[in-house]
Amino acid sequence: MSSQEIPEENLPETQVPAHGAVEVADDPFADPGLPAHQPRIQDIDERAAKRSERVVAFLFTLSMLATIAFIASYVIFPVDKIVYIWPFGHVSALNFSLGLTLGVALFAIGAGAVHWARTLMSDVEVADDRHAIEAEPEVKAKVMADFAAGAEESGFGRRKLIRNTMFGALALVPLSGVVLLRDLGPLPEKKLRSTLWAKGKQLINMNTMEPLRPEDVAVGSLTFAMPEGLEESAEDFNNQIAKAALMIVRIQPENIKDRREREWAHEGIVAFSKICTHVGCPISLYEQQTHHVLCPCHQSTFDLSDGARVIFGPAGHALPQLRIGVNSEGNLEALGDFEEPVGPAFWERG
């Protein structure tokens, strides 16, 4: 049976739009609006608000105390002190105390700020229409009014206990970073300007650990030396050898071009710093025909027959020379320290 044969009274009722009207469906994306604001207990009970204020102030105060403890840890605990702490086991007392106190200081500031925002600052949601990027005078006025209203609602002006403890916590936390500068080590003072070399110190062969004699150094050979009295087992050995390491070569006196080099040598035996003046790499490559030494790091090349001047590469100045002689036992000895600090361009800057 077709629909045309169904009696009209049995057909489903439909709304027929008025003549000329357009049927519009309900908007599926209609703005439902904001839900009704539910006040918190702190909004209606001043005693609860005071309790929240005290909690926030406690957290900020805890942050200040933790920062002070962080700084005190540097003074109290030596670097090499090891303690047992369950369940971590044996740990450095200094590292553990620094990590714990700094973590508490930062956590307490964050927790205090979050608790303040969630319990005391206004949580009323406000809908605002989008506006053009360019701010009109009315918008600027509204922004300033909103800022003033937000400051008032936050209680920043009224709740002085929170404000003052927060300022104290924020002022003390940066001190942790200042104290951390201690990890850079002690101030160098004048330590970079001098080495262990001094008048009368014998040159010790770094291969045999015996004093060097002139007959031990052949023409065209390269020997490495260190000061008498420096032991490889010493705690500061690496720091001292990094400044005092020597290259010993023997050149025919007539082949030495630099006058001072010839005067500071002994029978053609010259002693230069082994530390490159570019970035401080140890020099170890010697070409006996040209008397050139090459730094393996960045290929700075020095002429040991001409005052160890730079002939190629990024090094900024010549290698320092050590004045040497022979003592009563026939061993090579230093006649003083280097005239300038060894290493990369320190003496030019300092």
C-alpha atoms as a PDB file:
ATOM      1  CA  MET A   1       0.000   0.000   0.000  1.00  0.00           C
ATOM      2  CA  SER A   2       1.535   3.283  -1.018  1.00  0.00           C
ATOM      3  CA  SER A   3       1.448   6.377   1.103  1.00  0.00           C
ATOM      4  CA  GLN A   4      -0.991   7.894  -1.323  1.00  0.00           C
ATOM      5  CA  GLU A   5      -3.539   5.190  -0.395  1.00  0.00           C
ATOM      6  CA  ILE A   6      -3.174   5.766   3.434  1.00  0.00           C
ATOM      7  CA  PRO A   7      -5.960   7.894   4.831  1.00  0.00           C
ATOM      8  CA  GLU A   8      -4.753  11.386   5.640  1.00  0.00           C
ATOM      9  CA  GLU A   9      -5.826  11.133   9.267  1.00  0.00           C
ATOM     10  CA  ASN A  10      -3.482   8.156   9.785  1.00  0.00           C
ATOM     11  CA  LEU A  11      -0.317   9.944   8.489  1.00  0.00           C
ATOM     12  CA  PRO A  12       2.219  11.218  11.158  1.00  0.00           C
ATOM     13  CA  GLU A  13       1.838  14.819  12.126  1.00  0.00           C
ATOM     14  CA  THR A  14       4.438  17.147  10.682  1.00  0.00           C
ATOM     15  CA  GLN A  15       4.972  20.812  11.130  1.00  0.00           C
ATOM     16  CA  VAL A  16       4.617  22.674   7.911  1.00  0.00           C
ATOM     17  CA  PRO A  17       6.582  25.891   7.864  1.00  0.00           C
ATOM     18  CA  ALA A  18       4.649  29.013   7.218  1.00  0.00           C
ATOM     19  CA  HIS A  19       4.661  30.344   3.734  1.00  0.00           C
ATOM     20  CA  GLY A  20       8.013  32.032   3.029  1.00  0.00           C
ATOM     21  CA  ALA A  21       9.670  30.881   6.292  1.00  0.00           C
ATOM     22  CA  VAL A  22      12.982  28.916   6.419  1.00  0.00           C
ATOM     23  CA  GLU A  23      13.220  25.967   8.761  1.00  0.00           C
ATOM     24  CA  VAL A  24      16.309  26.246  11.039  1.00  0.00           C
ATOM     25  CA  ALA A  25      17.676  23.258  13.006  1.00  0.00           C
ATOM     26  CA  ASP A  26      18.827  23.636  16.614  1.00  0.00           C
ATOM     27  CA  ASP A  27      22.525  24.781  16.908  1.00  0.00           C
ATOM     28  CA  PRO A  28      24.512  21.701  18.047  1.00  0.00           C
ATOM     29  CA  PHE A  29      27.450  23.948  19.084  1.00  0.00           C
ATOM     30  CA  ALA A  30      25.521  26.408  21.185  1.00  0.00           C
ATOM     31  CA  ASP A  31      27.468  27.900  24.114  1.00  0.00           C
ATOM     32  CA  PRO A  32      26.162  26.175  27.247  1.00  0.00           C
ATOM     33  CA  GLY A  33      27.507  28.988  29.414  1.00  0.00           C
ATOM     34  CA  LEU A  34      29.557  28.743  32.597  1.00  0.00           C
ATOM     35  CA  PRO A  35      28.449  26.470  35.407  1.00  0.00           C
ATOM     36  CA  ALA A  36      27.299  28.096  38.589  1.00  0.00           C
ATOM     37  CA  HIS A  37      30.190  29.078  40.831  1.00  0.00           C
ATOM     38  CA  GLN A  38      30.610  26.850  43.868  1.00  0.00           C
ATOM     39  CA  PRO A  39      32.186  28.763  46.765  1.00  0.00           C
ATOM     40  CA  ARG A  40      35.032  27.170  48.686  1.00  0.00           C
ATOM     41  CA  ILE A  41      35.078  26.914  52.452  1.00  0.00           C
ATOM     42  CA  GLN A  42      37.750  29.631  52.535  1.00  0.00           C
ATOM     43  CA  ASP A  43      35.331  31.969  50.720  1.00  0.00           C
ATOM     44  CA  ILE A  44      32.693  31.723  53.423  1.00  0.00           C
ATOM     45  CA  ASP A  45      34.725  30.956  56.555  1.00  0.00           C
ATOM     46  CA  GLU A  46      37.446  33.411  57.520  1.00  0.00           C
ATOM     47  CA  ARG A  47      38.902  30.924  60.004  1.00  0.00           C
ATOM     48  CA  ALA A  48      39.476  28.445  57.178  1.00  0.00           C
ATOM     49  CA  ALA A  49      41.078  31.239  55.152  1.00  0.00           C
ATOM     50  CA  LYS A  50      43.390  32.006  58.063  1.00  0.00           C
ATOM     51  CA  ARG A  51      44.377  28.346  58.287  1.00  0.00           C
ATOM     52  CA  SER A  52      45.236  28.324  54.581  1.00  0.00           C
ATOM     53  CA  GLU A  53      47.219  31.524  55.047  1.00  0.00           C
ATOM     54  CA  ARG A  54      49.243  29.938  57.834  1.00  0.00           C
ATOM     55  CA  VAL A  55      49.894  26.843  55.697  1.00  0.00           C
ATOM     56  CA  VAL A  56      51.225  28.996  52.841  1.00  0.00           C
ATOM     57  CA  ALA A  57      53.360  31.043  55.231  1.00  0.00           C
ATOM     58  CA  PHE A  58      54.722  27.826  56.755  1.00  0.00           C
ATOM     59  CA  LEU A  59      55.751  26.526  53.328  1.00  0.00           C
ATOM     60  CA  PHE A  60      57.506  29.780  52.442  1.00  0.00           C
ATOM     61  CA  THR A  61      59.255  29.787  55.831  1.00  0.00           C
ATOM     62  CA  LEU A  62      60.292  26.167  55.295  1.00  0.00           C
ATOM     63  CA  SER A  63      61.825  27.210  51.976  1.00  0.00           C
ATOM     64  CA  MET A  64      63.868  29.904  53.717  1.00  0.00           C
ATOM     65  CA  LEU A  65      65.123  27.460  56.351  1.00  0.00           C
ATOM     66  CA  ALA A  66      66.019  24.899  53.677  1.00  0.00           C
ATOM     67  CA  THR A  67      68.006  27.519  51.755  1.00  0.00           C
ATOM     68  CA  ILE A  68      69.928  28.420  54.903  1.00  0.00           C
ATOM     69  CA  ALA A  69      70.578  24.709  55.496  1.00  0.00           C
ATOM     70  CA  PHE A  70      71.817  24.400  51.894  1.00  0.00           C
ATOM     71  CA  ILE A  71      74.404  27.112  52.491  1.00  0.00           C
ATOM     72  CA  ALA A  72      75.364  25.663  55.879  1.00  0.00           C
ATOM     73  CA  SER A  73      75.971  22.254  54.290  1.00  0.00           C
ATOM     74  CA  TYR A  74      78.887  23.691  52.335  1.00  0.00           C
ATOM     75  CA  VAL A  75      80.542  24.694  55.593  1.00  0.00           C
ATOM     76  CA  ILE A  76      79.653  21.654  57.709  1.00  0.00           C
ATOM     77  CA  PHE A  77      80.364  18.684  55.428  1.00  0.00           C
ATOM     78  CA  PRO A  78      83.799  18.035  53.889  1.00  0.00           C
ATOM     79  CA  VAL A  79      83.903  16.931  50.275  1.00  0.00           C
ATOM     80  CA  ASP A  80      85.214  13.449  51.063  1.00  0.00           C
ATOM     81  CA  LYS A  81      82.827  12.569  53.920  1.00  0.00           C
ATOM     82  CA  ILE A  82      80.798   9.400  53.181  1.00  0.00           C
ATOM     83  CA  VAL A  83      77.768   8.406  55.298  1.00  0.00           C
ATOM     84  CA  TYR A  84      75.277   5.546  55.242  1.00  0.00           C
ATOM     85  CA  ILE A  85      71.667   6.612  54.656  1.00  0.00           C
ATOM     86  CA  TRP A  86      68.957   4.030  54.286  1.00  0.00           C
ATOM     87  CA  PRO A  87      67.780   3.113  51.643  1.00  0.00           C
ATOM     88  CA  PHE A  88      70.390   4.919  49.534  1.00  0.00           C
ATOM     89  CA  GLY A  89      73.399   3.205  51.054  1.00  0.00           C
ATOM     90  CA  HIS A  90      76.784   4.917  51.328  1.00  0.00           C
ATOM     91  CA  VAL A  91      76.586   8.370  49.779  1.00  0.00           C
ATOM     92  CA  SER A  92      78.461  11.656  49.907  1.00  0.00           C
ATOM     93  CA  ALA A  93      77.203  13.625  52.888  1.00  0.00           C
ATOM     94  CA  LEU A  94      77.759  16.905  51.057  1.00  0.00           C
ATOM     95  CA  ASN A  95      75.969  15.904  47.854  1.00  0.00           C
ATOM     96  CA  PHE A  96      73.043  14.341  49.733  1.00  0.00           C
ATOM     97  CA  SER A  97      72.548  17.372  51.984  1.00  0.00           C
ATOM     98  CA  LEU A  98      72.803  19.807  49.082  1.00  0.00           C
ATOM     99  CA  GLY A  99      70.277  17.892  46.979  1.00  0.00           C
ATOM    100  CA  LEU A 100      67.857  17.427  49.877  1.00  0.00           C
ATOM    101  CA  THR A 101      67.897  21.019  51.115  1.00  0.00           C
ATOM    102  CA  LEU A 102      67.717  22.614  47.662  1.00  0.00           C
ATOM    103  CA  GLY A 103      64.894  20.255  46.673  1.00  0.00           C
ATOM    104  CA  VAL A 104      62.922  21.161  49.801  1.00  0.00           C
ATOM    105  CA  ALA A 105      63.514  24.892  49.225  1.00  0.00           C
ATOM    106  CA  LEU A 106      62.232  24.812  45.657  1.00  0.00           C
ATOM    107  CA  PHE A 107      59.345  22.425  46.422  1.00  0.00           C
ATOM    108  CA  ALA A 108      58.143  24.529  49.359  1.00  0.00           C
ATOM    109  CA  ILE A 109      57.985  27.680  47.218  1.00  0.00           C
ATOM    110  CA  GLY A 110      56.031  25.860  44.504  1.00  0.00           C
ATOM    111  CA  ALA A 111      53.691  24.140  46.947  1.00  0.00           C
ATOM    112  CA  GLY A 112      53.053  27.386  48.787  1.00  0.00           C
ATOM    113  CA  ALA A 113      52.212  29.230  45.579  1.00  0.00           C
ATOM    114  CA  VAL A 114      49.852  26.444  44.431  1.00  0.00           C
ATOM    115  CA  HIS A 115      48.077  26.252  47.803  1.00  0.00           C
ATOM    116  CA  TRP A 116      47.688  30.030  47.842  1.00  0.00           C
ATOM    117  CA  ALA A 117      46.162  30.027  44.365  1.00  0.00           C
ATOM    118  CA  ARG A 118      43.790  27.116  45.047  1.00  0.00           C
ATOM    119  CA  THR A 119      42.486  28.201  48.436  1.00  0.00           C
ATOM    120  CA  LEU A 120      42.769  31.991  48.756  1.00  0.00           C
ATOM    121  CA  MET A 121      42.883  33.569  45.322  1.00  0.00           C
ATOM    122  CA  SER A 122      39.590  34.072  43.514  1.00  0.00           C
ATOM    123  CA  ASP A 123      38.495  31.076  41.429  1.00  0.00           C
ATOM    124  CA  VAL A 124      35.521  32.708  39.723  1.00  0.00           C
ATOM    125  CA  GLU A 125      35.595  31.936  36.000  1.00  0.00           C
ATOM    126  CA  VAL A 126      35.123  34.943  33.764  1.00  0.00           C
ATOM    127  CA  ALA A 127      34.240  34.754  30.073  1.00  0.00           C
ATOM    128  CA  ASP A 128      35.635  37.468  27.860  1.00  0.00           C
ATOM    129  CA  ASP A 129      34.994  38.048  24.170  1.00  0.00           C
ATOM    130  CA  ARG A 130      37.853  38.028  21.729  1.00  0.00           C
ATOM    131  CA  HIS A 131      39.017  41.418  20.626  1.00  0.00           C
ATOM    132  CA  ALA A 132      41.360  42.943  18.119  1.00  0.00           C
ATOM    133  CA  ILE A 133      45.104  42.748  18.738  1.00  0.00           C
ATOM    134  CA  GLU A 134      45.379  46.509  18.852  1.00  0.00           C
ATOM    135  CA  ALA A 135      44.413  47.709  22.279  1.00  0.00           C
ATOM    136  CA  GLU A 136      41.936  50.555  22.455  1.00  0.00           C
ATOM    137  CA  PRO A 137      42.014  53.012  25.347  1.00  0.00           C
ATOM    138  CA  GLU A 138      38.912  51.382  26.770  1.00  0.00           C
ATOM    139  CA  VAL A 139      40.615  47.966  26.647  1.00  0.00           C
ATOM    140  CA  LYS A 140      43.704  49.308  28.368  1.00  0.00           C
ATOM    141  CA  ALA A 141      41.544  50.777  31.079  1.00  0.00           C
ATOM    142  CA  LYS A 142      39.728  47.458  31.442  1.00  0.00           C
ATOM    143  CA  VAL A 143      43.024  45.551  31.695  1.00  0.00           C
ATOM    144  CA  MET A 144      44.256  47.836  34.431  1.00  0.00           C
ATOM    145  CA  ALA A 145      40.945  47.530  36.221  1.00  0.00           C
ATOM    146  CA  ASP A 146      41.095  43.717  35.917  1.00  0.00           C
ATOM    147  CA  PHE A 147      44.655  43.717  37.228  1.00  0.00           C
ATOM    148  CA  ALA A 148      43.677  45.838  40.197  1.00  0.00           C
ATOM    149  CA  ALA A 149      40.699  43.571  40.836  1.00  0.00           C
ATOM    150  CA  GLY A 150      42.905  40.471  40.585  1.00  0.00           C
ATOM    151  CA  ALA A 151      45.427  41.931  42.992  1.00  0.00           C
ATOM    152  CA  GLU A 152      42.618  42.699  45.408  1.00  0.00           C
ATOM    153  CA  GLU A 153      41.094  39.243  45.084  1.00  0.00           C
ATOM    154  CA  SER A 154      44.472  37.540  45.593  1.00  0.00           C
ATOM    155  CA  GLY A 155      44.725  39.129  49.013  1.00  0.00           C
ATOM    156  CA  PHE A 156      48.308  40.149  48.242  1.00  0.00           C
ATOM    157  CA  GLY A 157      47.847  43.470  49.932  1.00  0.00           C
ATOM    158  CA  ARG A 158      45.742  42.266  52.850  1.00  0.00           C
ATOM    159  CA  ARG A 159      47.562  39.078  53.735  1.00  0.00           C
ATOM    160  CA  LYS A 160      50.898  40.514  54.804  1.00  0.00           C
ATOM    161  CA  LEU A 161      52.103  37.281  56.391  1.00  0.00           C
ATOM    162  CA  ILE A 162      51.996  35.452  53.058  1.00  0.00           C
ATOM    163  CA  ARG A 163      53.480  38.389  51.179  1.00  0.00           C
ATOM    164  CA  ASN A 164      56.426  38.864  53.527  1.00  0.00           C
ATOM    165  CA  THR A 165      57.311  35.174  53.813  1.00  0.00           C
ATOM    166  CA  MET A 166      57.078  34.775  50.029  1.00  0.00           C
ATOM    167  CA  PHE A 167      59.461  37.707  49.531  1.00  0.00           C
ATOM    168  CA  GLY A 168      61.830  36.144  52.052  1.00  0.00           C
ATOM    169  CA  ALA A 169      61.780  32.754  50.322  1.00  0.00           C
ATOM    170  CA  LEU A 170      62.305  34.257  46.859  1.00  0.00           C
ATOM    171  CA  ALA A 171      65.122  36.438  48.155  1.00  0.00           C
ATOM    172  CA  LEU A 172      67.021  33.569  49.779  1.00  0.00           C
ATOM    173  CA  VAL A 173      66.713  30.885  47.086  1.00  0.00           C
ATOM    174  CA  PRO A 174      69.064  32.679  44.613  1.00  0.00           C
ATOM    175  CA  LEU A 175      71.777  32.542  47.287  1.00  0.00           C
ATOM    176  CA  SER A 176      72.003  28.813  46.554  1.00  0.00           C
ATOM    177  CA  GLY A 177      73.331  29.618  43.094  1.00  0.00           C
ATOM    178  CA  VAL A 178      75.915  32.008  44.547  1.00  0.00           C
ATOM    179  CA  VAL A 179      77.186  29.336  46.920  1.00  0.00           C
ATOM    180  CA  LEU A 180      77.426  26.855  44.029  1.00  0.00           C
ATOM    181  CA  LEU A 181      80.201  29.034  42.591  1.00  0.00           C
ATOM    182  CA  ARG A 182      82.407  27.390  45.182  1.00  0.00           C
ATOM    183  CA  ASP A 183      82.387  24.286  42.971  1.00  0.00           C
ATOM    184  CA  LEU A 184      84.503  26.202  40.476  1.00  0.00           C
ATOM    185  CA  GLY A 185      87.367  25.674  42.907  1.00  0.00           C
ATOM    186  CA  PRO A 186      89.609  28.088  44.812  1.00  0.00           C
ATOM    187  CA  LEU A 187      90.719  31.333  43.251  1.00  0.00           C
ATOM    188  CA  PRO A 188      93.896  30.839  41.182  1.00  0.00           C
ATOM    189  CA  GLU A 189      95.560  33.890  42.746  1.00  0.00           C
ATOM    190  CA  LYS A 190      99.095  33.902  41.219  1.00  0.00           C
ATOM    191  CA  LYS A 191      99.384  30.127  40.793  1.00  0.00           C
ATOM    192  CA  LEU A 192      99.112  30.331  36.992  1.00  0.00           C
ATOM    193  CA  ARG A 193     102.046  32.732  36.817  1.00  0.00           C
ATOM    194  CA  SER A 194     104.595  30.329  38.285  1.00  0.00           C
ATOM    195  CA  THR A 195     105.630  26.658  38.139  1.00  0.00           C
ATOM    196  CA  LEU A 196     107.727  24.326  40.298  1.00  0.00           C
ATOM    197  CA  TRP A 197     110.849  25.294  38.376  1.00  0.00           C
ATOM    198  CA  ALA A 198     113.354  27.287  40.441  1.00  0.00           C
ATOM    199  CA  LYS A 199     117.079  27.933  40.518  1.00  0.00           C
ATOM    200  CA  GLY A 200     118.939  24.693  41.266  1.00  0.00           C
ATOM    201  CA  LYS A 201     116.086  22.273  40.418  1.00  0.00           C
ATOM    202  CA  GLN A 202     117.435  19.364  38.382  1.00  0.00           C
ATOM    203  CA  LEU A 203     115.794  18.220  35.132  1.00  0.00           C
ATOM    204  CA  ILE A 204     114.385  14.702  35.630  1.00  0.00           C
ATOM    205  CA  ASN A 205     113.942  12.453  32.582  1.00  0.00           C
ATOM    206  CA  MET A 206     110.242  11.470  32.545  1.00  0.00           C
ATOM    207  CA  ASN A 207     111.078   8.066  31.007  1.00  0.00           C
ATOM    208  CA  THR A 208     113.901   6.951  33.313  1.00  0.00           C
ATOM    209  CA  MET A 209     113.045   9.206  36.303  1.00  0.00           C
ATOM    210  CA  GLU A 210     116.796   9.966  36.564  1.00  0.00           C
ATOM    211  CA  PRO A 211     118.530  13.358  36.407  1.00  0.00           C
ATOM    212  CA  LEU A 212     119.419  14.408  32.865  1.00  0.00           C
ATOM    213  CA  ARG A 213     123.059  14.917  31.931  1.00  0.00           C
ATOM    214  CA  PRO A 214     124.221  16.803  28.826  1.00  0.00           C
ATOM    215  CA  GLU A 215     125.605  13.603  27.306  1.00  0.00           C
ATOM    216  CA  ASP A 216     122.149  11.996  27.595  1.00  0.00           C
ATOM    217  CA  VAL A 217     120.709  14.440  25.039  1.00  0.00           C
ATOM    218  CA  ALA A 218     121.781  13.654  21.490  1.00  0.00           C
ATOM    219  CA  VAL A 219     121.487  16.069  18.581  1.00  0.00           C
ATOM    220  CA  GLY A 220     118.110  15.646  16.921  1.00  0.00           C
ATOM    221  CA  SER A 221     116.530  13.835  19.858  1.00  0.00           C
ATOM    222  CA  LEU A 222     113.472  14.921  21.838  1.00  0.00           C
ATOM    223  CA  THR A 223     113.362  14.315  25.604  1.00  0.00           C
ATOM    224  CA  PHE A 224     110.652  15.178  28.115  1.00  0.00           C
ATOM    225  CA  ALA A 225     111.561  16.383  31.604  1.00  0.00           C
ATOM    226  CA  MET A 226     109.935  17.457  34.856  1.00  0.00           C
ATOM    227  CA  PRO A 227     111.225  19.243  37.970  1.00  0.00           C
ATOM    228  CA  GLU A 228     113.176  17.465  40.666  1.00  0.00           C
ATOM    229  CA  GLY A 229     110.967  16.543  43.647  1.00  0.00           C
ATOM    230  CA  LEU A 230     107.707  16.147  41.730  1.00  0.00           C
ATOM    231  CA  GLU A 231     106.275  12.662  42.300  1.00  0.00           C
ATOM    232  CA  GLU A 232     103.603  11.001  40.165  1.00  0.00           C
ATOM    233  CA  SER A 233     101.890   9.838  43.363  1.00  0.00           C
ATOM    234  CA  ALA A 234     101.471  13.419  44.592  1.00  0.00           C
ATOM    235  CA  GLU A 235      97.888  14.641  44.901  1.00  0.00           C
ATOM    236  CA  ASP A 236      98.537  17.735  42.767  1.00  0.00           C
ATOM    237  CA  PHE A 237     100.802  15.988  40.228  1.00  0.00           C
ATOM    238  CA  ASN A 238      98.497  16.625  37.249  1.00  0.00           C
ATOM    239  CA  ASN A 239      98.099  20.304  38.095  1.00  0.00           C
ATOM    240  CA  GLN A 240     101.849  20.806  38.482  1.00  0.00           C
ATOM    241  CA  ILE A 241     103.004  18.805  35.459  1.00  0.00           C
ATOM    242  CA  ALA A 242     100.473  20.665  33.322  1.00  0.00           C
ATOM    243  CA  LYS A 243     102.569  23.777  33.902  1.00  0.00           C
ATOM    244  CA  ALA A 244     106.079  22.392  34.362  1.00  0.00           C
ATOM    245  CA  ALA A 245     106.427  19.784  31.575  1.00  0.00           C
ATOM    246  CA  LEU A 246     109.506  20.432  29.413  1.00  0.00           C
ATOM    247  CA  MET A 247     110.738  19.537  25.927  1.00  0.00           C
ATOM    248  CA  ILE A 248     114.500  19.086  25.768  1.00  0.00           C
ATOM    249  CA  VAL A 249     116.211  19.135  22.376  1.00  0.00           C
ATOM    250  CA  ARG A 250     119.820  19.571  21.295  1.00  0.00           C
ATOM    251  CA  ILE A 251     120.611  21.839  18.350  1.00  0.00           C
ATOM    252  CA  GLN A 252     124.009  22.735  16.963  1.00  0.00           C
ATOM    253  CA  PRO A 253     124.763  26.174  18.490  1.00  0.00           C
ATOM    254  CA  GLU A 254     125.444  27.669  15.055  1.00  0.00           C
ATOM    255  CA  ASN A 255     121.914  26.651  13.971  1.00  0.00           C
ATOM    256  CA  ILE A 256     120.208  28.566  16.779  1.00  0.00           C
ATOM    257  CA  LYS A 257     118.919  31.812  15.259  1.00  0.00           C
ATOM    258  CA  ASP A 258     117.577  33.555  18.369  1.00  0.00           C
ATOM    259  CA  ARG A 259     120.210  35.221  20.532  1.00  0.00           C
ATOM    260  CA  ARG A 260     118.377  34.834  23.864  1.00  0.00           C
ATOM    261  CA  GLU A 261     117.662  31.179  23.126  1.00  0.00           C
ATOM    262  CA  ARG A 262     121.353  30.573  22.547  1.00  0.00           C
ATOM    263  CA  GLU A 263     122.306  32.337  25.799  1.00  0.00           C
ATOM    264  CA  TRP A 264     119.695  30.393  27.834  1.00  0.00           C
ATOM    265  CA  ALA A 265     120.828  27.041  26.407  1.00  0.00           C
ATOM    266  CA  HIS A 266     123.720  24.818  27.472  1.00  0.00           C
ATOM    267  CA  GLU A 267     125.937  23.592  24.666  1.00  0.00           C
ATOM    268  CA  GLY A 268     122.972  23.730  22.286  1.00  0.00           C
ATOM    269  CA  ILE A 269     120.581  21.991  24.700  1.00  0.00           C
ATOM    270  CA  VAL A 270     117.409  24.061  24.912  1.00  0.00           C
ATOM    271  CA  ALA A 271     114.387  23.599  27.176  1.00  0.00           C
ATOM    272  CA  PHE A 272     110.929  24.818  26.163  1.00  0.00           C
ATOM    273  CA  SER A 273     107.497  24.374  27.698  1.00  0.00           C
ATOM    274  CA  LYS A 274     105.679  21.342  26.362  1.00  0.00           C
ATOM    275  CA  ILE A 275     102.290  23.077  26.713  1.00  0.00           C
ATOM    276  CA  CYS A 276     100.889  24.573  23.501  1.00  0.00           C
ATOM    277  CA  THR A 277     100.010  28.246  23.702  1.00  0.00           C
ATOM    278  CA  HIS A 278      96.745  27.728  21.828  1.00  0.00           C
ATOM    279  CA  VAL A 279      94.511  25.671  24.150  1.00  0.00           C
ATOM    280  CA  GLY A 280      97.108  23.904  26.299  1.00  0.00           C
ATOM    281  CA  CYS A 281      97.572  20.568  24.508  1.00  0.00           C
ATOM    282  CA  PRO A 282     100.854  18.697  25.132  1.00  0.00           C
ATOM    283  CA  ILE A 283     103.266  18.957  22.202  1.00  0.00           C
ATOM    284  CA  SER A 284     105.024  15.742  21.201  1.00  0.00           C
ATOM    285  CA  LEU A 285     105.813  15.784  17.458  1.00  0.00           C
ATOM    286  CA  TYR A 286     109.365  16.892  16.550  1.00  0.00           C
ATOM    287  CA  GLU A 287     110.965  17.196  13.108  1.00  0.00           C
ATOM    288  CA  GLN A 288     114.715  17.106  13.658  1.00  0.00           C
ATOM    289  CA  GLN A 289     115.739  18.378  10.210  1.00  0.00           C
ATOM    290  CA  THR A 290     113.788  21.639  10.538  1.00  0.00           C
ATOM    291  CA  HIS A 291     113.684  21.800  14.354  1.00  0.00           C
ATOM    292  CA  HIS A 292     109.923  22.295  14.154  1.00  0.00           C
ATOM    293  CA  VAL A 293     107.490  20.901  16.765  1.00  0.00           C
ATOM    294  CA  LEU A 294     103.840  20.310  15.948  1.00  0.00           C
ATOM    295  CA  CYS A 295     100.880  20.357  18.319  1.00  0.00           C
ATOM    296  CA  PRO A 296      98.671  17.350  17.431  1.00  0.00           C
ATOM    297  CA  CYS A 297      95.427  19.087  18.460  1.00  0.00           C
ATOM    298  CA  HIS A 298      95.212  21.999  16.014  1.00  0.00           C
ATOM    299  CA  GLN A 299      98.516  21.794  14.131  1.00  0.00           C
ATOM    300  CA  SER A 300     100.174  24.852  15.658  1.00  0.00           C
ATOM    301  CA  THR A 301     103.836  24.678  14.625  1.00  0.00           C
ATOM    302  CA  PHE A 302     106.798  26.223  16.482  1.00  0.00           C
ATOM    303  CA  ASP A 303     110.410  26.713  15.375  1.00  0.00           C
ATOM    304  CA  LEU A 304     112.665  25.584  18.251  1.00  0.00           C
ATOM    305  CA  SER A 305     115.726  27.028  16.522  1.00  0.00           C
ATOM    306  CA  ASP A 306     114.217  30.532  16.501  1.00  0.00           C
ATOM    307  CA  GLY A 307     112.883  31.119  20.002  1.00  0.00           C
ATOM    308  CA  ALA A 308     110.014  28.627  19.507  1.00  0.00           C
ATOM    309  CA  ARG A 309     108.092  31.262  17.587  1.00  0.00           C
ATOM    310  CA  VAL A 310     104.817  30.329  15.880  1.00  0.00           C
ATOM    311  CA  ILE A 311     105.217  29.627  12.172  1.00  0.00           C
ATOM    312  CA  PHE A 312     101.812  28.042  11.533  1.00  0.00           C
ATOM    313  CA  GLY A 313      98.474  27.489  13.223  1.00  0.00           C
ATOM    314  CA  PRO A 314      96.226  29.269  15.729  1.00  0.00           C
ATOM    315  CA  ALA A 315      98.681  29.571  18.646  1.00  0.00           C
ATOM    316  CA  GLY A 316      99.031  33.149  19.799  1.00  0.00           C
ATOM    317  CA  HIS A 317     102.647  33.352  20.958  1.00  0.00           C
ATOM    318  CA  ALA A 318     105.916  31.444  21.241  1.00  0.00           C
ATOM    319  CA  LEU A 319     106.561  28.635  23.715  1.00  0.00           C
ATOM    320  CA  PRO A 320     108.184  29.881  26.955  1.00  0.00           C
ATOM    321  CA  GLN A 321     111.844  28.913  27.340  1.00  0.00           C
ATOM    322  CA  LEU A 322     113.464  27.754  30.573  1.00  0.00           C
ATOM    323  CA  ARG A 323     117.012  28.911  31.260  1.00  0.00           C
ATOM    324  CA  ILE A 324     119.215  25.907  32.094  1.00  0.00           C
ATOM    325  CA  GLY A 325     122.783  25.097  33.123  1.00  0.00           C
ATOM    326  CA  VAL A 326     124.842  22.315  34.725  1.00  0.00           C
ATOM    327  CA  ASN A 327     125.363  21.812  38.460  1.00  0.00           C
ATOM    328  CA  SER A 328     128.452  20.570  40.279  1.00  0.00           C
ATOM    329  CA  GLU A 329     127.381  16.951  39.743  1.00  0.00           C
ATOM    330  CA  GLY A 330     127.232  17.397  35.989  1.00  0.00           C
ATOM    331  CA  ASN A 331     123.413  17.251  35.803  1.00  0.00           C
ATOM    332  CA  LEU A 332     121.226  19.708  33.940  1.00  0.00           C
ATOM    333  CA  GLU A 333     119.461  22.154  36.240  1.00  0.00           C
ATOM    334  CA  ALA A 334     117.101  25.118  35.949  1.00  0.00           C
ATOM    335  CA  LEU A 335     118.470  28.599  36.549  1.00  0.00           C
ATOM    336  CA  GLY A 336     115.053  29.970  37.489  1.00  0.00           C
ATOM    337  CA  ASP A 337     111.395  29.750  36.530  1.00  0.00           C
ATOM    338  CA  PHE A 338     109.811  30.642  33.192  1.00  0.00           C
ATOM    339  CA  GLU A 339     109.785  34.340  32.404  1.00  0.00           C
ATOM    340  CA  GLU A 340     106.050  34.251  31.604  1.00  0.00           C
ATOM    341  CA  PRO A 341     103.147  31.902  32.482  1.00  0.00           C
ATOM    342  CA  VAL A 342     102.892  28.803  30.328  1.00  0.00           C
ATOM    343  CA  GLY A 343      99.803  27.743  28.435  1.00  0.00           C
ATOM    344  CA  PRO A 344      97.200  29.438  26.237  1.00  0.00           C
ATOM    345  CA  ALA A 345      97.587  33.215  26.110  1.00  0.00           C
ATOM    346  CA  PHE A 346      97.198  33.686  29.872  1.00  0.00           C
ATOM    347  CA  TRP A 347     100.092  36.079  30.223  1.00  0.00           C
ATOM    348  CA  GLU A 348      98.810  38.228  27.348  1.00  0.00           C
ATOM    349  CA  ARG A 349      95.431  38.673  29.086  1.00  0.00           C
ATOM    350  CA  GLY A 350      96.443  38.680  32.729  1.00  0.00           C
END
